[in-house]
Amino acid sequence: MDKMTSMFIHILPSMVTFCQRWRDQLEMKEYKVIEDMDGTISSNIYDFYWSPFLYYVIWQTIYLIKTEVISKRKLEYNTDIMTSLRWMTRKKTSSSYKLLSIFGEHNQLPTFVLIQAVYTIATFIICPLLWHSIVLHVLYLAVIFIIALSNGATYYFHVFAKRYIDEIGQRAAQPEQKS
């Protein structure tokens, strides 16, 4: 259930954006490979970079208030509750742990926030291309779905393979029964 929920909340915004953006062209069955970019450079910077980053900053602030102030005691008490940072730093040998500890273990949270902000800005680079090309937008969504399907199939293959191996092990450990 948690894997499906995660997939849903990450894929739904891109699907809504696609439907809202291309609704008129899809209804009229007009598919331009790429549209002319109207607007000035300053409006494009505001629409594609500044405004979305402002929403990201608001979200990040609320998230940090929730995890580092409101629920701090609960999260310290119950270490089974996973946050993004906990998930990425749960194994000291992982590359994500090493990356987030580059400025020291005590600075993992600010490093996490900084890396996440840089990653967010980097992903904004393709937004104008997707906004002005239905073909690129469809290809982008197809890649997201293929990756999600691959991850889901891999996950279930490992889960069911482990269960199958465990079941074989249990059967082998049981004494043979004669009928």
N, C-alpha and C. Protein backbone atom coordinates (compact mmCIF):
# COMPACT_ATOMS: atom_id res chain seq x y z
N MET A 1 0.82 -1.20 0.00
CA MET A 1 0.00 0.00 0.00
C MET A 1 0.87 1.26 0.00
N ASP A 2 1.96 1.25 0.77
CA ASP A 2 2.80 2.44 0.83
C ASP A 2 3.48 2.73 -0.51
N LYS A 3 3.85 1.69 -1.25
CA LYS A 3 4.48 1.89 -2.57
C LYS A 3 3.47 2.50 -3.55
N MET A 4 2.25 2.01 -3.53
CA MET A 4 1.22 2.54 -4.43
C MET A 4 0.86 3.98 -4.07
N THR A 5 0.78 4.27 -2.78
CA THR A 5 0.48 5.64 -2.34
C THR A 5 1.58 6.59 -2.78
N SER A 6 2.81 6.18 -2.59
CA SER A 6 3.94 7.01 -3.00
C SER A 6 3.92 7.27 -4.51
N MET A 7 3.67 6.22 -5.28
CA MET A 7 3.61 6.38 -6.73
C MET A 7 2.48 7.33 -7.11
N PHE A 8 1.33 7.17 -6.48
CA PHE A 8 0.17 8.01 -6.79
C PHE A 8 0.46 9.48 -6.52
N ILE A 9 1.02 9.79 -5.35
CA ILE A 9 1.24 11.20 -5.01
C ILE A 9 2.37 11.82 -5.82
N HIS A 10 3.25 11.01 -6.41
CA HIS A 10 4.32 11.56 -7.23
C HIS A 10 3.93 11.67 -8.71
N ILE A 11 3.06 10.79 -9.17
CA ILE A 11 2.68 10.82 -10.58
C ILE A 11 1.48 11.72 -10.84
N LEU A 12 0.56 11.81 -9.89
CA LEU A 12 -0.66 12.59 -10.09
C LEU A 12 -0.40 14.05 -10.48
N PRO A 13 0.51 14.78 -9.84
CA PRO A 13 0.72 16.18 -10.26
C PRO A 13 1.14 16.33 -11.72
N SER A 14 2.00 15.43 -12.20
CA SER A 14 2.41 15.54 -13.59
C SER A 14 1.26 15.20 -14.55
N MET A 15 0.39 14.29 -14.14
CA MET A 15 -0.78 13.96 -14.97
C MET A 15 -1.78 15.13 -15.00
N VAL A 16 -2.00 15.74 -13.86
CA VAL A 16 -2.92 16.89 -13.80
C VAL A 16 -2.37 18.05 -14.64
N THR A 17 -1.06 18.30 -14.51
CA THR A 17 -0.44 19.36 -15.30
C THR A 17 -0.59 19.08 -16.79
N PHE A 18 -0.34 17.85 -17.19
CA PHE A 18 -0.48 17.49 -18.60
C PHE A 18 -1.91 17.73 -19.08
N CYS A 19 -2.88 17.26 -18.34
CA CYS A 19 -4.28 17.40 -18.75
C CYS A 19 -4.71 18.86 -18.80
N GLN A 20 -4.31 19.63 -17.82
CA GLN A 20 -4.66 21.05 -17.81
C GLN A 20 -3.99 21.79 -18.97
N ARG A 21 -2.73 21.48 -19.20
CA ARG A 21 -1.97 22.19 -20.23
C ARG A 21 -2.46 21.86 -21.64
N TRP A 22 -2.70 20.60 -21.93
CA TRP A 22 -2.98 20.18 -23.30
C TRP A 22 -4.45 19.89 -23.56
N ARG A 23 -5.34 20.25 -22.66
CA ARG A 23 -6.76 19.97 -22.81
C ARG A 23 -7.32 20.48 -24.13
N ASP A 24 -7.07 21.73 -24.45
CA ASP A 24 -7.63 22.31 -25.68
C ASP A 24 -7.09 21.62 -26.93
N GLN A 25 -5.80 21.37 -26.98
CA GLN A 25 -5.21 20.72 -28.16
C GLN A 25 -5.73 19.29 -28.30
N LEU A 26 -5.92 18.61 -27.18
CA LEU A 26 -6.41 17.24 -27.25
C LEU A 26 -7.86 17.21 -27.72
N GLU A 27 -8.66 18.18 -27.30
CA GLU A 27 -10.06 18.24 -27.74
C GLU A 27 -10.15 18.56 -29.23
N MET A 28 -9.27 19.43 -29.72
CA MET A 28 -9.30 19.83 -31.13
C MET A 28 -8.46 18.90 -32.00
N LYS A 29 -7.77 17.96 -31.39
CA LYS A 29 -6.89 17.01 -32.09
C LYS A 29 -5.83 17.73 -32.92
N GLU A 30 -5.27 18.79 -32.36
CA GLU A 30 -4.16 19.51 -32.99
C GLU A 30 -2.91 19.25 -32.16
N TYR A 31 -1.93 18.64 -32.79
CA TYR A 31 -0.72 18.29 -32.05
C TYR A 31 0.50 18.95 -32.69
N LYS A 32 0.80 20.16 -32.28
CA LYS A 32 2.02 20.81 -32.75
C LYS A 32 3.19 20.16 -32.04
N VAL A 33 4.25 19.94 -32.77
CA VAL A 33 5.43 19.34 -32.15
C VAL A 33 5.98 20.28 -31.08
N ILE A 34 6.05 21.55 -31.40
CA ILE A 34 6.49 22.53 -30.41
C ILE A 34 5.77 23.85 -30.69
N GLU A 35 5.33 24.49 -29.63
CA GLU A 35 4.66 25.78 -29.76
C GLU A 35 5.67 26.90 -29.65
N ASP A 36 5.30 28.04 -30.21
CA ASP A 36 6.15 29.22 -30.03
C ASP A 36 6.11 29.63 -28.58
N MET A 37 7.24 30.06 -28.08
CA MET A 37 7.30 30.53 -26.70
C MET A 37 6.91 31.99 -26.68
N ASP A 38 5.72 32.22 -26.15
CA ASP A 38 5.26 33.60 -26.05
C ASP A 38 5.64 34.13 -24.67
N GLY A 39 5.69 35.42 -24.55
CA GLY A 39 6.07 36.01 -23.27
C GLY A 39 7.53 36.41 -23.28
N THR A 40 7.84 37.25 -22.34
CA THR A 40 9.20 37.75 -22.24
C THR A 40 10.04 36.79 -21.41
N ILE A 41 11.33 37.04 -21.44
CA ILE A 41 12.24 36.23 -20.64
C ILE A 41 11.89 36.36 -19.16
N SER A 42 11.57 37.57 -18.72
CA SER A 42 11.26 37.76 -17.30
C SER A 42 9.98 37.03 -16.90
N SER A 43 8.97 37.01 -17.78
CA SER A 43 7.75 36.27 -17.44
C SER A 43 8.01 34.77 -17.44
N ASN A 44 8.84 34.28 -18.37
CA ASN A 44 9.19 32.86 -18.37
C ASN A 44 9.98 32.48 -17.13
N ILE A 45 10.89 33.32 -16.70
CA ILE A 45 11.65 33.05 -15.48
C ILE A 45 10.72 33.02 -14.28
N TYR A 46 9.80 33.96 -14.21
CA TYR A 46 8.84 33.98 -13.10
C TYR A 46 7.94 32.76 -13.15
N ASP A 47 7.36 32.46 -14.32
CA ASP A 47 6.39 31.37 -14.44
C ASP A 47 7.01 29.98 -14.27
N PHE A 48 8.21 29.78 -14.79
CA PHE A 48 8.80 28.45 -14.79
C PHE A 48 9.81 28.20 -13.67
N TYR A 49 10.32 29.26 -13.05
CA TYR A 49 11.36 29.05 -12.05
C TYR A 49 11.04 29.68 -10.70
N TRP A 50 10.83 30.99 -10.69
CA TRP A 50 10.67 31.69 -9.42
C TRP A 50 9.39 31.27 -8.68
N SER A 51 8.26 31.31 -9.35
CA SER A 51 6.99 30.97 -8.72
C SER A 51 6.97 29.53 -8.19
N PRO A 52 7.36 28.53 -8.99
CA PRO A 52 7.38 27.16 -8.44
C PRO A 52 8.37 27.01 -7.29
N PHE A 53 9.52 27.69 -7.38
CA PHE A 53 10.50 27.57 -6.29
C PHE A 53 9.96 28.19 -5.01
N LEU A 54 9.17 29.24 -5.13
CA LEU A 54 8.54 29.84 -3.95
C LEU A 54 7.61 28.83 -3.28
N TYR A 55 6.82 28.10 -4.07
CA TYR A 55 5.95 27.06 -3.50
C TYR A 55 6.78 25.96 -2.85
N TYR A 56 7.90 25.62 -3.46
CA TYR A 56 8.79 24.62 -2.87
C TYR A 56 9.30 25.10 -1.51
N VAL A 57 9.71 26.34 -1.42
CA VAL A 57 10.23 26.90 -0.16
C VAL A 57 9.13 26.87 0.91
N ILE A 58 7.91 27.21 0.53
CA ILE A 58 6.79 27.17 1.49
C ILE A 58 6.58 25.74 1.97
N TRP A 59 6.56 24.78 1.03
CA TRP A 59 6.37 23.37 1.41
C TRP A 59 7.51 22.91 2.32
N GLN A 60 8.74 23.22 1.96
CA GLN A 60 9.90 22.78 2.74
C GLN A 60 9.85 23.38 4.15
N THR A 61 9.44 24.62 4.26
CA THR A 61 9.33 25.27 5.57
C THR A 61 8.28 24.58 6.43
N ILE A 62 7.13 24.31 5.86
CA ILE A 62 6.06 23.63 6.61
C ILE A 62 6.52 22.23 7.01
N TYR A 63 7.19 21.52 6.11
CA TYR A 63 7.69 20.17 6.40
C TYR A 63 8.69 20.21 7.56
N LEU A 64 9.60 21.16 7.53
CA LEU A 64 10.60 21.26 8.60
C LEU A 64 9.97 21.65 9.93
N ILE A 65 8.98 22.52 9.90
CA ILE A 65 8.27 22.88 11.14
C ILE A 65 7.58 21.64 11.70
N LYS A 66 6.96 20.87 10.82
CA LYS A 66 6.26 19.66 11.27
C LYS A 66 7.24 18.63 11.85
N THR A 67 8.33 18.34 11.14
CA THR A 67 9.24 17.27 11.58
C THR A 67 10.23 17.71 12.64
N GLU A 68 10.63 18.97 12.63
CA GLU A 68 11.69 19.42 13.54
C GLU A 68 11.17 20.20 14.75
N VAL A 69 9.90 20.58 14.74
CA VAL A 69 9.35 21.33 15.87
C VAL A 69 8.13 20.59 16.45
N ILE A 70 7.07 20.49 15.67
CA ILE A 70 5.81 19.93 16.16
C ILE A 70 5.95 18.46 16.54
N SER A 71 6.53 17.65 15.67
CA SER A 71 6.61 16.20 15.91
C SER A 71 8.00 15.75 16.35
N LYS A 72 8.83 16.66 16.77
CA LYS A 72 10.21 16.31 17.12
C LYS A 72 10.28 15.23 18.20
N ARG A 73 9.54 15.41 19.30
CA ARG A 73 9.56 14.42 20.38
C ARG A 73 9.07 13.06 19.91
N LYS A 74 7.98 13.07 19.17
CA LYS A 74 7.41 11.81 18.67
C LYS A 74 8.42 11.09 17.77
N LEU A 75 9.10 11.82 16.90
CA LEU A 75 10.06 11.22 15.99
C LEU A 75 11.31 10.74 16.73
N GLU A 76 11.70 11.45 17.79
CA GLU A 76 12.85 11.01 18.59
C GLU A 76 12.50 9.76 19.38
N TYR A 77 11.27 9.70 19.87
CA TYR A 77 10.82 8.57 20.68
C TYR A 77 10.62 7.32 19.82
N ASN A 78 9.97 7.48 18.68
CA ASN A 78 9.65 6.35 17.82
C ASN A 78 10.53 6.39 16.57
N THR A 79 11.64 5.70 16.62
CA THR A 79 12.58 5.71 15.49
C THR A 79 12.11 4.83 14.33
N ASP A 80 11.00 4.14 14.49
CA ASP A 80 10.44 3.35 13.39
C ASP A 80 9.71 4.22 12.38
N ILE A 81 9.31 5.42 12.78
CA ILE A 81 8.66 6.34 11.84
C ILE A 81 9.73 6.89 10.91
N MET A 82 9.52 6.69 9.61
CA MET A 82 10.52 7.09 8.62
C MET A 82 10.23 8.47 8.05
N THR A 83 11.23 9.31 8.08
CA THR A 83 11.22 10.56 7.33
C THR A 83 12.15 10.35 6.14
N SER A 84 12.15 11.26 5.21
CA SER A 84 13.04 11.13 4.05
C SER A 84 14.49 11.07 4.50
N LEU A 85 14.86 11.94 5.41
CA LEU A 85 16.24 11.98 5.90
C LEU A 85 16.60 10.68 6.60
N ARG A 86 15.74 10.17 7.45
CA ARG A 86 16.01 8.90 8.13
C ARG A 86 16.18 7.76 7.14
N TRP A 87 15.34 7.75 6.13
CA TRP A 87 15.40 6.68 5.14
C TRP A 87 16.74 6.71 4.40
N MET A 88 17.19 7.90 4.06
CA MET A 88 18.42 8.03 3.29
C MET A 88 19.68 7.82 4.14
N THR A 89 19.56 7.97 5.45
CA THR A 89 20.74 7.83 6.31
C THR A 89 20.66 6.61 7.22
N ARG A 90 19.80 5.67 6.93
CA ARG A 90 19.63 4.51 7.81
C ARG A 90 20.83 3.57 7.77
N LYS A 91 21.57 3.54 6.66
CA LYS A 91 22.75 2.69 6.55
C LYS A 91 23.99 3.58 6.39
N LYS A 92 24.91 3.45 7.32
CA LYS A 92 26.11 4.30 7.28
C LYS A 92 27.02 3.99 6.10
N THR A 93 26.81 2.84 5.46
CA THR A 93 27.64 2.50 4.31
C THR A 93 27.04 2.96 2.98
N SER A 94 25.82 3.50 3.01
CA SER A 94 25.15 3.89 1.76
C SER A 94 25.75 5.18 1.20
N SER A 95 25.63 5.34 -0.11
CA SER A 95 26.15 6.55 -0.74
C SER A 95 25.35 7.78 -0.32
N SER A 96 24.04 7.61 -0.08
CA SER A 96 23.25 8.76 0.36
C SER A 96 23.70 9.23 1.76
N TYR A 97 24.03 8.29 2.64
CA TYR A 97 24.53 8.65 3.97
C TYR A 97 25.84 9.43 3.84
N LYS A 98 26.74 8.93 3.00
CA LYS A 98 28.04 9.60 2.81
C LYS A 98 27.85 11.00 2.23
N LEU A 99 26.96 11.13 1.25
CA LEU A 99 26.70 12.44 0.64
C LEU A 99 26.12 13.42 1.65
N LEU A 100 25.13 12.96 2.43
CA LEU A 100 24.49 13.84 3.40
C LEU A 100 25.38 14.15 4.60
N SER A 101 26.43 13.37 4.78
CA SER A 101 27.36 13.60 5.89
C SER A 101 28.62 14.33 5.45
N ILE A 102 28.62 14.85 4.24
CA ILE A 102 29.81 15.49 3.69
C ILE A 102 30.26 16.69 4.55
N PHE A 103 29.32 17.37 5.18
CA PHE A 103 29.65 18.49 6.08
C PHE A 103 29.57 18.07 7.54
N GLY A 104 29.58 16.78 7.79
CA GLY A 104 29.50 16.25 9.14
C GLY A 104 28.11 15.71 9.44
N GLU A 105 28.06 14.71 10.32
CA GLU A 105 26.77 14.09 10.67
C GLU A 105 25.80 15.09 11.29
N HIS A 106 26.32 16.04 12.05
CA HIS A 106 25.46 17.02 12.71
C HIS A 106 24.84 18.00 11.72
N ASN A 107 25.33 18.03 10.48
CA ASN A 107 24.78 18.92 9.45
C ASN A 107 24.01 18.17 8.38
N GLN A 108 23.54 16.96 8.68
CA GLN A 108 22.82 16.19 7.67
C GLN A 108 21.52 16.87 7.24
N LEU A 109 20.79 17.43 8.17
CA LEU A 109 19.52 18.07 7.82
C LEU A 109 19.72 19.27 6.90
N PRO A 110 20.60 20.24 7.24
CA PRO A 110 20.80 21.35 6.30
C PRO A 110 21.36 20.89 4.94
N THR A 111 22.22 19.87 4.96
CA THR A 111 22.75 19.34 3.71
C THR A 111 21.64 18.73 2.89
N PHE A 112 20.75 17.99 3.54
CA PHE A 112 19.60 17.38 2.87
C PHE A 112 18.72 18.46 2.23
N VAL A 113 18.43 19.51 2.97
CA VAL A 113 17.58 20.59 2.46
C VAL A 113 18.28 21.28 1.28
N LEU A 114 19.58 21.52 1.39
CA LEU A 114 20.33 22.17 0.32
C LEU A 114 20.34 21.31 -0.95
N ILE A 115 20.65 20.04 -0.79
CA ILE A 115 20.70 19.13 -1.96
C ILE A 115 19.31 19.02 -2.59
N GLN A 116 18.29 18.95 -1.76
CA GLN A 116 16.93 18.85 -2.28
C GLN A 116 16.56 20.13 -3.04
N ALA A 117 16.97 21.29 -2.55
CA ALA A 117 16.68 22.56 -3.24
C ALA A 117 17.41 22.62 -4.58
N VAL A 118 18.67 22.22 -4.61
CA VAL A 118 19.43 22.22 -5.86
C VAL A 118 18.81 21.25 -6.86
N TYR A 119 18.41 20.07 -6.38
CA TYR A 119 17.76 19.09 -7.24
C TYR A 119 16.45 19.65 -7.80
N THR A 120 15.69 20.33 -6.97
CA THR A 120 14.42 20.92 -7.40
C THR A 120 14.67 21.95 -8.50
N ILE A 121 15.64 22.82 -8.30
CA ILE A 121 15.97 23.83 -9.31
C ILE A 121 16.43 23.17 -10.61
N ALA A 122 17.23 22.11 -10.49
CA ALA A 122 17.71 21.41 -11.68
C ALA A 122 16.56 20.79 -12.47
N THR A 123 15.56 20.28 -11.76
CA THR A 123 14.43 19.68 -12.48
C THR A 123 13.56 20.72 -13.17
N PHE A 124 13.64 21.96 -12.73
CA PHE A 124 12.87 23.03 -13.37
C PHE A 124 13.38 23.35 -14.77
N ILE A 125 14.60 22.95 -15.10
CA ILE A 125 15.21 23.31 -16.38
C ILE A 125 14.36 22.80 -17.56
N ILE A 126 13.80 21.61 -17.44
CA ILE A 126 13.05 21.05 -18.57
C ILE A 126 11.61 21.54 -18.66
N CYS A 127 11.14 22.24 -17.65
CA CYS A 127 9.73 22.66 -17.62
C CYS A 127 9.29 23.46 -18.84
N PRO A 128 10.04 24.46 -19.29
CA PRO A 128 9.59 25.19 -20.49
C PRO A 128 9.47 24.29 -21.72
N LEU A 129 10.38 23.33 -21.85
CA LEU A 129 10.31 22.42 -23.00
C LEU A 129 9.05 21.57 -22.94
N LEU A 130 8.71 21.07 -21.75
CA LEU A 130 7.51 20.26 -21.61
C LEU A 130 6.25 21.10 -21.80
N TRP A 131 6.30 22.34 -21.37
CA TRP A 131 5.15 23.23 -21.48
C TRP A 131 4.85 23.59 -22.92
N HIS A 132 5.87 23.63 -23.75
CA HIS A 132 5.68 24.07 -25.13
C HIS A 132 5.72 22.94 -26.15
N SER A 133 5.85 21.69 -25.71
CA SER A 133 5.88 20.57 -26.65
C SER A 133 5.08 19.39 -26.10
N ILE A 134 3.98 19.09 -26.75
CA ILE A 134 3.16 17.96 -26.31
C ILE A 134 3.91 16.64 -26.51
N VAL A 135 4.71 16.56 -27.55
CA VAL A 135 5.46 15.34 -27.83
C VAL A 135 6.46 15.07 -26.70
N LEU A 136 7.24 16.09 -26.33
CA LEU A 136 8.20 15.91 -25.23
C LEU A 136 7.48 15.62 -23.91
N HIS A 137 6.33 16.25 -23.72
CA HIS A 137 5.57 16.03 -22.49
C HIS A 137 5.07 14.59 -22.41
N VAL A 138 4.58 14.06 -23.53
CA VAL A 138 4.13 12.67 -23.56
C VAL A 138 5.31 11.73 -23.33
N LEU A 139 6.44 12.00 -23.97
CA LEU A 139 7.63 11.16 -23.77
C LEU A 139 8.10 11.19 -22.31
N TYR A 140 8.06 12.36 -21.71
CA TYR A 140 8.44 12.51 -20.30
C TYR A 140 7.53 11.66 -19.41
N LEU A 141 6.22 11.74 -19.61
CA LEU A 141 5.29 10.94 -18.82
C LEU A 141 5.48 9.44 -19.07
N ALA A 142 5.76 9.08 -20.32
CA ALA A 142 5.99 7.67 -20.64
C ALA A 142 7.22 7.14 -19.90
N VAL A 143 8.27 7.94 -19.85
CA VAL A 143 9.48 7.53 -19.12
C VAL A 143 9.17 7.37 -17.64
N ILE A 144 8.41 8.29 -17.06
CA ILE A 144 8.03 8.19 -15.64
C ILE A 144 7.26 6.89 -15.40
N PHE A 145 6.30 6.59 -16.25
CA PHE A 145 5.50 5.37 -16.08
C PHE A 145 6.35 4.11 -16.26
N ILE A 146 7.25 4.11 -17.22
CA ILE A 146 8.10 2.94 -17.44
C ILE A 146 9.00 2.71 -16.22
N ILE A 147 9.56 3.78 -15.68
CA ILE A 147 10.40 3.64 -14.48
C ILE A 147 9.57 3.14 -13.30
N ALA A 148 8.36 3.68 -13.14
CA ALA A 148 7.49 3.24 -12.05
C ALA A 148 7.11 1.77 -12.21
N LEU A 149 6.79 1.37 -13.42
CA LEU A 149 6.46 -0.04 -13.66
C LEU A 149 7.65 -0.95 -13.40
N SER A 150 8.81 -0.52 -13.83
CA SER A 150 10.03 -1.31 -13.60
C SER A 150 10.32 -1.44 -12.11
N ASN A 151 10.23 -0.33 -11.39
CA ASN A 151 10.47 -0.37 -9.94
C ASN A 151 9.45 -1.26 -9.25
N GLY A 152 8.19 -1.15 -9.64
CA GLY A 152 7.15 -1.98 -9.03
C GLY A 152 7.36 -3.45 -9.32
N ALA A 153 7.68 -3.77 -10.58
CA ALA A 153 7.91 -5.17 -10.95
C ALA A 153 9.12 -5.73 -10.21
N THR A 154 10.18 -4.96 -10.12
CA THR A 154 11.38 -5.40 -9.41
C THR A 154 11.08 -5.63 -7.94
N TYR A 155 10.34 -4.71 -7.34
CA TYR A 155 9.99 -4.85 -5.93
C TYR A 155 9.19 -6.13 -5.70
N TYR A 156 8.14 -6.33 -6.49
CA TYR A 156 7.31 -7.51 -6.30
C TYR A 156 8.05 -8.79 -6.63
N PHE A 157 8.94 -8.75 -7.61
CA PHE A 157 9.73 -9.93 -7.92
C PHE A 157 10.58 -10.32 -6.70
N HIS A 158 11.23 -9.34 -6.08
CA HIS A 158 12.06 -9.63 -4.89
C HIS A 158 11.21 -10.12 -3.73
N VAL A 159 10.06 -9.50 -3.52
CA VAL A 159 9.19 -9.91 -2.41
C VAL A 159 8.70 -11.34 -2.61
N PHE A 160 8.17 -11.63 -3.81
CA PHE A 160 7.64 -12.97 -4.05
C PHE A 160 8.75 -14.02 -4.14
N ALA A 161 9.90 -13.65 -4.67
CA ALA A 161 11.02 -14.60 -4.72
C ALA A 161 11.47 -14.95 -3.31
N LYS A 162 11.54 -13.95 -2.42
CA LYS A 162 11.94 -14.21 -1.03
C LYS A 162 10.91 -15.11 -0.36
N ARG A 163 9.62 -14.84 -0.55
CA ARG A 163 8.58 -15.68 0.04
C ARG A 163 8.66 -17.11 -0.48
N TYR A 164 8.94 -17.25 -1.78
CA TYR A 164 9.04 -18.58 -2.38
C TYR A 164 10.23 -19.34 -1.80
N ILE A 165 11.37 -18.67 -1.68
CA ILE A 165 12.55 -19.31 -1.11
C ILE A 165 12.31 -19.69 0.34
N ASP A 166 11.66 -18.80 1.11
CA ASP A 166 11.33 -19.11 2.50
C ASP A 166 10.41 -20.32 2.59
N GLU A 167 9.43 -20.39 1.70
CA GLU A 167 8.50 -21.51 1.70
C GLU A 167 9.21 -22.82 1.37
N ILE A 168 10.10 -22.78 0.40
CA ILE A 168 10.88 -23.98 0.05
C ILE A 168 11.74 -24.41 1.24
N GLY A 169 12.34 -23.41 1.91
CA GLY A 169 13.16 -23.71 3.09
C GLY A 169 12.34 -24.36 4.19
N GLN A 170 11.12 -23.87 4.40
CA GLN A 170 10.24 -24.45 5.42
C GLN A 170 9.85 -25.87 5.05
N ARG A 171 9.54 -26.10 3.79
CA ARG A 171 9.16 -27.45 3.34
C ARG A 171 10.34 -28.42 3.47
N ALA A 172 11.51 -27.95 3.17
CA ALA A 172 12.69 -28.81 3.27
C ALA A 172 13.00 -29.15 4.72
N ALA A 173 12.70 -28.22 5.63
CA ALA A 173 12.97 -28.44 7.06
C ALA A 173 11.96 -29.36 7.69
N GLN A 174 10.77 -29.48 7.12
CA GLN A 174 9.74 -30.37 7.67
C GLN A 174 10.08 -31.82 7.35
N PRO A 175 9.82 -32.71 8.33
CA PRO A 175 10.05 -34.12 8.03
C PRO A 175 9.03 -34.61 7.01
N GLU A 176 9.45 -35.55 6.21
CA GLU A 176 8.54 -36.08 5.18
C GLU A 176 7.38 -36.81 5.82
N GLN A 177 6.21 -36.60 5.30
CA GLN A 177 5.00 -37.26 5.81
C GLN A 177 4.58 -38.29 4.79
N LYS A 178 4.35 -39.50 5.28
CA LYS A 178 3.89 -40.57 4.39
C LYS A 178 2.38 -40.70 4.53
N SER A 179 1.71 -40.88 3.42
CA SER A 179 0.27 -41.04 3.50
C SER A 179 -0.16 -42.47 3.48
